[in-house]
Amino acid sequence: MLKRFMAIVLTLCIFSCGLALADEDYIESEFEYTADGNVVKYYGGEYVYVPSVLYGTTLLRIADNAFMDLGITGVSIEEGLVEIGKEAFSGSNITNISIPSTMENIKDGAFAYCAELKDVFIFGNKGMQFGENVFAGTGKITFYIACECDNGAFWERLKIAKGDDNYEIEVIHPNMSATDETDLFGATMGKCDDCGITISQYDFDIYEPFNDVSEDSWYYKYVVFAYGMGIVNGKSETVFDPEGTMTCAEAAKIAASIRASQTTGEQIVPMGAKWYDAYVDYCYEMGIIEDYITFDWEKPITRGEMAYLFSRCDFYPYYINEVPLTDIPDVYDTTPYAYEILDLYDKGVATGDVDFSFHPDANVKRSEAAAFISRIIGYEMRIELPKG
């Protein structure tokens, strides 16, 4: 009897000590958390990174209401955390969240009424459970889910968690290894360590819908790339018109779109009296076009004019050649836009014809524009020129 009594006392002592330890809060850095790994409050900036270990304490859970109604905009949770509590982020201003593969449970209303939430990245764990109304009161969300979660059961749980049909799912492959293969554009292919699929680093389908672009044409891969990246369109849904010309306005739209894709990633919204006004304004605003330079926007653009726009829109210059101006037979230091033309040669974007001539006064063909666009964005497609 005494032994049983002592065992009960010991158990109660251990239990009460455990409770006392769990209830002891620590405030370190931007977080308030408990000794048993609950993140209970946040005092930091707009973007939140929740670590798995903080000052020697292993963090496992985000407690109920921990980030509720805060003005945070983005959240990334490190591998190791296993639970997000009830209404943990409810009513906050987050636009995106990254959920680790170790996450096991996301409780009721965790992201409810996050009106700005657009992107949810789920990096694994097909057994992850969702409570009720996890995403209630949100707008359209894109769920980027790891390939290991690409199954009907997980999708059904995710659909119930969203509570409506205002969402889309894109499958991602977070664990990729480089292979010896290259894709159509010369980029190294990657192999997913989880599902075994081999894919290109570019996230668009490698196809083109144009009847007038054959696979054996020199410009095929460039049209596919420029179209796939959303920088250039066809003349219609099925016609690209590779031999056709391009207006100065169309080239300004391309230059603006390239710069935006390299910086903010946002699309420029057309507005103004003419369809191209917003793109032209953007080019001047970003310094792509200098204030004293003007173009006749509706006339066909020359190769020299295009070189000016395309050289200056490239936000991340990358050089692979050193070409003396004297190596370009038809470009002199007095040629309009001579040094922008030279810049494209040095970057491996322009190559000229067999004797390196650029033909600056000739009109640009749409196929040529596609090649320039592709080499600006896709470094693997830049061309190294012979020295000397």
Protein backbone atom coordinates (compact mmCIF):
# COMPACT_ATOMS: atom_id res chain seq x y z
CA MET A 1 0.00 0.00 0.00
CA LEU A 2 2.85 2.36 0.90
CA LYS A 3 4.63 1.55 -2.36
CA ARG A 4 1.45 2.30 -4.36
CA PHE A 5 0.97 5.60 -2.45
CA MET A 6 4.59 6.64 -3.09
CA ALA A 7 4.26 5.78 -6.79
CA ILE A 8 1.17 7.98 -7.06
CA VAL A 9 2.94 10.87 -5.29
CA LEU A 10 5.98 10.49 -7.53
CA THR A 11 3.79 10.45 -10.63
CA LEU A 12 1.93 13.58 -9.51
CA CYS A 13 5.23 15.33 -8.77
CA ILE A 14 6.59 14.50 -12.18
CA PHE A 15 3.33 15.58 -13.82
CA SER A 16 3.13 18.86 -11.89
CA CYS A 17 6.78 19.62 -12.56
CA GLY A 18 6.20 18.95 -16.24
CA LEU A 19 3.26 21.34 -16.26
CA ALA A 20 5.27 24.02 -14.50
CA LEU A 21 8.08 23.64 -17.01
CA ALA A 22 5.66 23.75 -19.96
CA ASP A 23 4.00 26.90 -18.69
CA GLU A 24 7.29 28.76 -18.24
CA ASP A 25 7.52 31.28 -21.08
CA TYR A 26 10.70 32.55 -22.67
CA ILE A 27 10.95 35.72 -24.75
CA GLU A 28 14.00 35.60 -26.96
CA SER A 29 14.57 37.45 -30.21
CA GLU A 30 11.18 37.95 -31.90
CA PHE A 31 9.35 35.02 -30.32
CA GLU A 32 7.73 34.13 -27.04
CA TYR A 33 7.79 30.37 -26.52
CA THR A 34 7.54 27.66 -23.88
CA ALA A 35 10.12 25.17 -22.74
CA ASP A 36 8.20 22.30 -24.33
CA GLY A 37 8.36 23.89 -27.78
CA ASN A 38 5.22 26.00 -28.25
CA VAL A 39 5.57 29.32 -30.08
CA VAL A 40 2.94 31.47 -28.38
CA LYS A 41 3.54 35.05 -29.57
CA TYR A 42 5.49 37.02 -32.17
CA TYR A 43 6.91 40.55 -31.93
CA GLY A 44 8.96 40.84 -35.12
CA GLY A 45 8.68 42.27 -38.61
CA GLU A 46 6.45 41.58 -41.60
CA TYR A 47 8.20 38.43 -42.80
CA VAL A 48 8.31 35.56 -40.31
CA TYR A 49 10.85 32.74 -40.26
CA VAL A 50 9.97 30.19 -37.58
CA PRO A 51 13.10 28.16 -36.69
CA SER A 52 13.04 24.62 -35.36
CA VAL A 53 15.54 25.42 -32.60
CA LEU A 54 15.78 28.70 -30.70
CA TYR A 55 18.44 29.23 -28.04
CA GLY A 56 18.67 25.51 -27.39
CA THR A 57 14.91 24.89 -27.23
CA THR A 58 13.40 22.64 -29.89
CA LEU A 59 10.27 24.25 -31.32
CA LEU A 60 7.54 21.82 -32.33
CA ARG A 61 4.24 23.68 -32.41
CA ILE A 62 2.75 27.05 -33.24
CA ALA A 63 0.18 27.63 -30.50
CA ASP A 64 -3.45 28.66 -30.91
CA ASN A 65 -3.84 32.34 -31.92
CA ALA A 66 -0.06 32.89 -31.88
CA PHE A 67 0.00 35.11 -34.99
CA MET A 68 -3.68 36.05 -35.08
CA ASP A 69 -4.57 39.45 -36.61
CA LEU A 70 -0.93 40.47 -37.07
CA GLY A 71 0.30 42.62 -39.96
CA ILE A 72 2.76 39.99 -41.17
CA THR A 73 2.99 39.31 -44.91
CA GLY A 74 4.90 36.05 -45.35
CA VAL A 75 5.72 33.00 -43.23
CA SER A 76 8.31 30.26 -43.64
CA ILE A 77 8.39 27.39 -41.14
CA GLU A 78 11.55 25.33 -40.77
CA GLU A 79 11.68 21.56 -40.96
CA GLY A 80 11.01 20.03 -37.54
CA LEU A 81 7.78 21.74 -36.50
CA VAL A 82 4.81 19.37 -36.45
CA GLU A 83 1.69 21.36 -35.62
CA ILE A 84 -0.06 24.67 -36.34
CA GLY A 85 -2.68 25.49 -33.71
CA LYS A 86 -6.25 26.73 -33.95
CA GLU A 87 -6.62 30.13 -35.60
CA ALA A 88 -2.84 30.50 -35.37
CA PHE A 89 -2.68 32.93 -38.30
CA SER A 90 -6.37 33.82 -38.56
CA GLY A 91 -7.08 37.34 -39.77
CA SER A 92 -3.43 38.15 -40.49
CA ASN A 93 -2.15 39.83 -43.67
CA ILE A 94 -0.02 36.94 -44.93
CA THR A 95 0.19 36.49 -48.68
CA ASN A 96 2.25 33.28 -48.63
CA ILE A 97 3.30 30.51 -46.30
CA SER A 98 5.83 27.69 -46.56
CA ILE A 99 4.90 24.53 -44.64
CA PRO A 100 7.65 21.93 -43.99
CA SER A 101 7.50 18.21 -44.71
CA THR A 102 7.54 17.44 -40.97
CA MET A 103 4.16 19.14 -40.41
CA GLU A 104 1.59 16.61 -39.15
CA ASN A 105 -1.44 18.63 -38.16
CA ILE A 106 -2.94 21.99 -39.09
CA LYS A 107 -5.83 22.72 -36.73
CA ASP A 108 -9.20 24.43 -37.09
CA GLY A 109 -9.22 27.86 -38.70
CA ALA A 110 -5.42 28.12 -38.77
CA PHE A 111 -5.51 30.46 -41.80
CA ALA A 112 -9.14 31.53 -41.68
CA TYR A 113 -9.95 35.00 -42.98
CA CYS A 114 -6.46 35.66 -44.28
CA ALA A 115 -7.86 37.72 -47.13
CA GLU A 116 -4.47 38.33 -48.80
CA LEU A 117 -3.32 34.70 -48.77
CA LYS A 118 -2.44 33.65 -52.33
CA ASP A 119 0.32 30.99 -52.22
CA VAL A 120 0.66 27.99 -49.91
CA PHE A 121 3.75 25.79 -50.31
CA ILE A 122 3.48 22.31 -48.80
CA PHE A 123 6.79 20.48 -48.99
CA GLY A 124 5.66 16.97 -48.12
CA ASN A 125 4.03 14.54 -45.68
CA LYS A 126 1.05 13.02 -47.44
CA GLY A 127 -0.31 12.02 -44.01
CA MET A 128 -0.75 15.65 -42.93
CA GLN A 129 -4.12 16.25 -41.29
CA PHE A 130 -6.30 19.34 -41.56
CA GLY A 131 -8.89 20.55 -39.06
CA GLU A 132 -12.13 22.31 -39.92
CA ASN A 133 -12.32 25.63 -41.79
CA VAL A 134 -8.53 25.86 -42.09
CA PHE A 135 -8.79 28.29 -45.03
CA ALA A 136 -12.31 29.62 -44.45
CA GLY A 137 -12.91 33.14 -45.70
CA THR A 138 -9.89 33.27 -48.00
CA GLY A 139 -9.82 34.17 -51.71
CA LYS A 140 -8.21 32.21 -54.51
CA ILE A 141 -5.20 30.20 -53.32
CA THR A 142 -2.60 28.29 -55.30
CA PHE A 143 -1.40 25.24 -53.36
CA TYR A 144 2.09 24.15 -54.40
CA ILE A 145 2.31 20.59 -53.09
CA ALA A 146 5.25 18.21 -53.09
CA CYS A 147 5.01 15.31 -55.52
CA GLU A 148 4.87 12.82 -52.64
CA CYS A 149 1.50 14.38 -51.70
CA ASP A 150 0.20 13.99 -55.24
CA ASN A 151 -2.60 11.54 -54.47
CA GLY A 152 -6.37 11.60 -54.26
CA ALA A 153 -6.61 11.28 -50.48
CA PHE A 154 -4.40 14.28 -49.82
CA TRP A 155 -6.14 16.36 -52.48
CA GLU A 156 -9.51 15.57 -50.92
CA ARG A 157 -8.32 16.66 -47.47
CA LEU A 158 -6.96 19.85 -48.98
CA LYS A 159 -10.25 20.54 -50.77
CA ILE A 160 -12.19 20.13 -47.52
CA ALA A 161 -9.73 22.40 -45.72
CA LYS A 162 -10.28 25.12 -48.35
CA GLY A 163 -14.03 24.76 -48.15
CA ASP A 164 -14.74 25.97 -51.69
CA ASP A 165 -13.54 25.53 -55.27
CA ASN A 166 -11.61 28.81 -55.41
CA TYR A 167 -8.16 27.26 -55.57
CA GLU A 168 -5.72 25.47 -57.85
CA ILE A 169 -2.99 22.91 -57.24
CA GLU A 170 0.48 22.78 -58.75
CA VAL A 171 2.76 19.84 -58.05
CA ILE A 172 6.36 20.73 -57.17
CA HIS A 173 9.51 18.63 -56.76
CA PRO A 174 11.44 20.02 -53.77
CA ASN A 175 14.22 17.42 -53.75
CA MET A 176 16.03 17.65 -57.07
CA SER A 177 19.48 16.42 -58.09
CA ALA A 178 21.38 17.51 -61.19
CA THR A 179 21.81 14.99 -64.01
CA ASP A 180 24.14 14.79 -66.99
CA GLU A 181 21.26 15.56 -69.35
CA THR A 182 20.41 18.96 -70.80
CA ASP A 183 17.06 20.22 -72.02
CA LEU A 184 16.13 21.81 -75.35
CA PHE A 185 17.60 25.11 -74.14
CA GLY A 186 20.94 23.72 -72.94
CA ALA A 187 20.06 23.86 -69.24
CA THR A 188 21.00 20.98 -66.93
CA MET A 189 18.07 18.65 -66.26
CA GLY A 190 17.14 17.71 -62.72
CA LYS A 191 15.88 14.40 -61.33
CA CYS A 192 13.43 14.33 -58.43
CA ASP A 193 14.77 12.19 -55.58
CA ASP A 194 11.20 11.50 -54.43
CA CYS A 195 9.30 10.47 -57.56
CA GLY A 196 12.13 9.92 -60.06
CA ILE A 197 10.84 12.28 -62.75
CA THR A 198 13.42 14.11 -64.86
CA ILE A 199 12.47 17.70 -65.64
CA SER A 200 13.82 20.99 -66.94
CA GLN A 201 14.53 23.87 -64.58
CA TYR A 202 12.06 25.92 -66.59
CA ASP A 203 8.53 25.47 -65.29
CA PHE A 204 6.57 25.68 -68.53
CA ASP A 205 5.54 22.95 -70.92
CA ILE A 206 8.02 22.63 -73.78
CA TYR A 207 5.72 22.97 -76.74
CA GLU A 208 4.59 25.64 -79.14
CA PRO A 209 1.20 25.99 -80.77
CA PHE A 210 2.33 27.69 -83.97
CA ASN A 211 1.82 26.00 -87.32
CA ASP A 212 4.53 28.10 -88.99
CA VAL A 213 7.37 27.17 -86.60
CA SER A 214 8.89 23.81 -87.51
CA GLU A 215 11.09 21.79 -85.18
CA ASP A 216 13.97 21.84 -87.66
CA SER A 217 14.06 25.65 -87.96
CA TRP A 218 17.04 27.45 -86.39
CA TYR A 219 14.71 29.57 -84.27
CA TYR A 220 12.45 26.75 -82.97
CA LYS A 221 13.90 26.57 -79.45
CA TYR A 222 13.97 30.35 -79.17
CA VAL A 223 10.31 30.75 -80.09
CA VAL A 224 9.37 27.94 -77.68
CA PHE A 225 11.37 29.57 -74.87
CA ALA A 226 10.28 33.18 -75.41
CA TYR A 227 6.65 32.09 -75.74
CA GLY A 228 6.86 29.72 -72.76
CA MET A 229 8.31 32.47 -70.57
CA GLY A 230 5.35 34.68 -71.49
CA ILE A 231 7.48 37.40 -73.08
CA VAL A 232 6.26 37.14 -76.68
CA ASN A 233 2.99 36.06 -78.29
CA GLY A 234 2.03 34.91 -81.75
CA LYS A 235 0.17 36.93 -84.35
CA SER A 236 -2.71 34.57 -83.59
CA GLU A 237 -3.22 31.39 -81.61
CA THR A 238 -1.62 29.31 -84.37
CA VAL A 239 0.56 31.78 -86.32
CA PHE A 240 3.86 33.22 -85.07
CA ASP A 241 5.02 34.86 -88.32
CA PRO A 242 8.77 34.29 -87.83
CA GLU A 243 9.71 36.36 -90.91
CA GLY A 244 7.45 39.27 -89.94
CA THR A 245 8.63 42.58 -88.52
CA MET A 246 8.13 44.00 -85.06
CA THR A 247 7.14 47.56 -84.16
CA CYS A 248 9.01 49.79 -81.73
CA ALA A 249 6.01 49.57 -79.41
CA GLU A 250 6.12 45.75 -79.43
CA ALA A 251 9.86 45.87 -78.66
CA ALA A 252 9.22 48.30 -75.78
CA LYS A 253 6.63 45.90 -74.37
CA ILE A 254 9.18 43.08 -74.56
CA ALA A 255 11.92 45.18 -72.91
CA ALA A 256 9.55 46.20 -70.11
CA SER A 257 8.37 42.60 -69.63
CA ILE A 258 11.93 41.27 -69.42
CA ARG A 259 12.89 43.86 -66.79
CA ALA A 260 9.74 43.19 -64.76
CA SER A 261 10.34 39.42 -64.93
CA GLN A 262 13.90 39.88 -63.63
CA THR A 263 12.90 42.18 -60.76
CA THR A 264 9.37 42.24 -59.32
CA GLY A 265 7.99 39.34 -61.35
CA GLU A 266 4.78 41.28 -61.77
CA GLN A 267 2.97 41.86 -65.03
CA ILE A 268 2.61 45.41 -66.32
CA VAL A 269 -1.04 46.37 -66.66
CA PRO A 270 -1.81 48.08 -70.01
CA MET A 271 -3.44 51.48 -69.54
CA GLY A 272 -3.50 54.78 -71.35
CA ALA A 273 -4.77 56.10 -74.66
CA LYS A 274 -2.74 53.53 -76.61
CA TRP A 275 -2.15 49.89 -75.79
CA TYR A 276 1.60 50.41 -75.42
CA ASP A 277 1.59 53.56 -73.24
CA ALA A 278 2.14 51.69 -69.96
CA TYR A 279 5.10 49.74 -71.38
CA VAL A 280 6.74 52.84 -72.83
CA ASP A 281 6.21 54.74 -69.57
CA TYR A 282 7.74 51.83 -67.65
CA CYS A 283 10.80 51.85 -69.93
CA TYR A 284 11.38 55.55 -69.26
CA GLU A 285 10.70 55.16 -65.54
CA MET A 286 13.19 52.29 -65.20
CA GLY A 287 15.86 54.06 -67.26
CA ILE A 288 15.68 51.49 -70.05
CA ILE A 289 15.08 54.43 -72.38
CA GLU A 290 16.94 57.65 -71.62
CA ASP A 291 14.87 60.83 -71.44
CA TYR A 292 16.30 62.33 -74.61
CA ILE A 293 15.65 59.22 -76.73
CA THR A 294 12.40 58.97 -78.71
CA PHE A 295 11.06 56.37 -81.12
CA ASP A 296 8.28 56.26 -83.67
CA TRP A 297 6.40 53.61 -81.72
CA GLU A 298 4.25 52.31 -84.55
CA LYS A 299 6.94 51.84 -87.19
CA PRO A 300 8.96 48.62 -87.63
CA ILE A 301 11.96 48.64 -85.31
CA THR A 302 15.49 48.35 -86.66
CA ARG A 303 18.06 45.95 -85.29
CA GLY A 304 20.05 48.88 -83.87
CA GLU A 305 17.02 50.30 -82.06
CA MET A 306 16.18 46.88 -80.72
CA ALA A 307 19.77 46.47 -79.48
CA TYR A 308 19.36 49.71 -77.52
CA LEU A 309 16.20 48.47 -75.77
CA PHE A 310 17.31 44.89 -75.22
CA SER A 311 20.78 45.81 -73.95
CA ARG A 312 19.43 48.25 -71.39
CA CYS A 313 16.50 46.15 -70.13
CA ASP A 314 18.78 43.36 -68.90
CA PHE A 315 18.88 43.86 -65.10
CA TYR A 316 21.47 41.12 -64.44
CA PRO A 317 24.20 41.58 -67.06
CA TYR A 318 26.28 38.46 -67.64
CA TYR A 319 29.23 38.63 -70.04
CA ILE A 320 30.91 35.73 -71.80
CA ASN A 321 32.75 37.52 -74.65
CA GLU A 322 35.18 40.40 -75.13
CA VAL A 323 34.52 41.70 -78.62
CA PRO A 324 36.39 44.75 -79.95
CA LEU A 325 34.11 47.14 -81.80
CA THR A 326 36.41 46.78 -84.79
CA ASP A 327 35.37 43.12 -85.10
CA ILE A 328 31.84 44.16 -86.13
CA PRO A 329 32.36 45.26 -89.78
CA ASP A 330 29.24 47.42 -90.14
CA VAL A 331 29.20 49.09 -86.71
CA TYR A 332 31.42 52.08 -85.89
CA ASP A 333 31.69 54.32 -82.86
CA THR A 334 29.53 56.84 -84.75
CA THR A 335 26.78 54.28 -85.45
CA PRO A 336 23.61 54.99 -83.45
CA TYR A 337 23.46 52.64 -80.45
CA ALA A 338 26.91 51.23 -81.28
CA TYR A 339 27.81 50.43 -77.69
CA GLU A 340 24.47 48.79 -76.93
CA ILE A 341 25.08 46.60 -80.00
CA LEU A 342 28.57 45.79 -78.71
CA ASP A 343 27.09 45.02 -75.29
CA LEU A 344 24.89 42.31 -76.84
CA TYR A 345 27.92 40.76 -78.55
CA ASP A 346 29.84 40.76 -75.26
CA LYS A 347 26.92 39.07 -73.51
CA GLY A 348 26.61 36.39 -76.20
CA VAL A 349 23.12 37.63 -77.07
CA ALA A 350 24.04 38.90 -80.57
CA THR A 351 26.39 37.10 -82.93
CA GLY A 352 25.85 38.74 -86.31
CA ASP A 353 26.09 36.80 -89.55
CA VAL A 354 29.06 34.81 -90.90
CA ASP A 355 31.44 37.80 -90.77
CA PHE A 356 29.91 39.17 -87.53
CA SER A 357 28.05 41.97 -89.35
CA PHE A 358 25.04 43.20 -87.36
CA HIS A 359 23.04 45.10 -90.02
CA PRO A 360 21.87 47.80 -87.58
CA ASP A 361 19.58 49.53 -90.10
CA ALA A 362 17.69 46.38 -91.12
CA ASN A 363 14.27 45.65 -89.66
CA VAL A 364 14.06 43.00 -86.95
CA LYS A 365 12.43 39.68 -87.79
CA ARG A 366 10.21 38.18 -85.12
CA SER A 367 12.33 35.02 -85.13
CA GLU A 368 15.44 37.13 -84.44
CA ALA A 369 13.69 38.92 -81.60
CA ALA A 370 12.79 35.54 -80.06
CA ALA A 371 16.47 34.55 -80.17
CA PHE A 372 17.58 37.77 -78.47
CA ILE A 373 14.88 37.42 -75.80
CA SER A 374 15.83 33.82 -75.05
CA ARG A 375 19.55 34.56 -74.74
CA ILE A 376 18.92 37.48 -72.40
CA ILE A 377 16.78 35.42 -70.01
CA GLY A 378 18.34 31.98 -70.50
CA TYR A 379 22.07 32.22 -69.86
CA GLU A 380 22.58 28.69 -71.18
CA MET A 381 21.58 29.87 -74.64
CA ARG A 382 24.15 32.62 -74.87
CA ILE A 383 26.77 32.04 -77.55
CA GLU A 384 30.49 32.19 -76.95
CA LEU A 385 32.25 33.82 -79.88
CA PRO A 386 35.72 32.85 -81.11
CA LYS A 387 38.51 35.08 -79.85
CA GLY A 388 40.66 36.95 -82.32
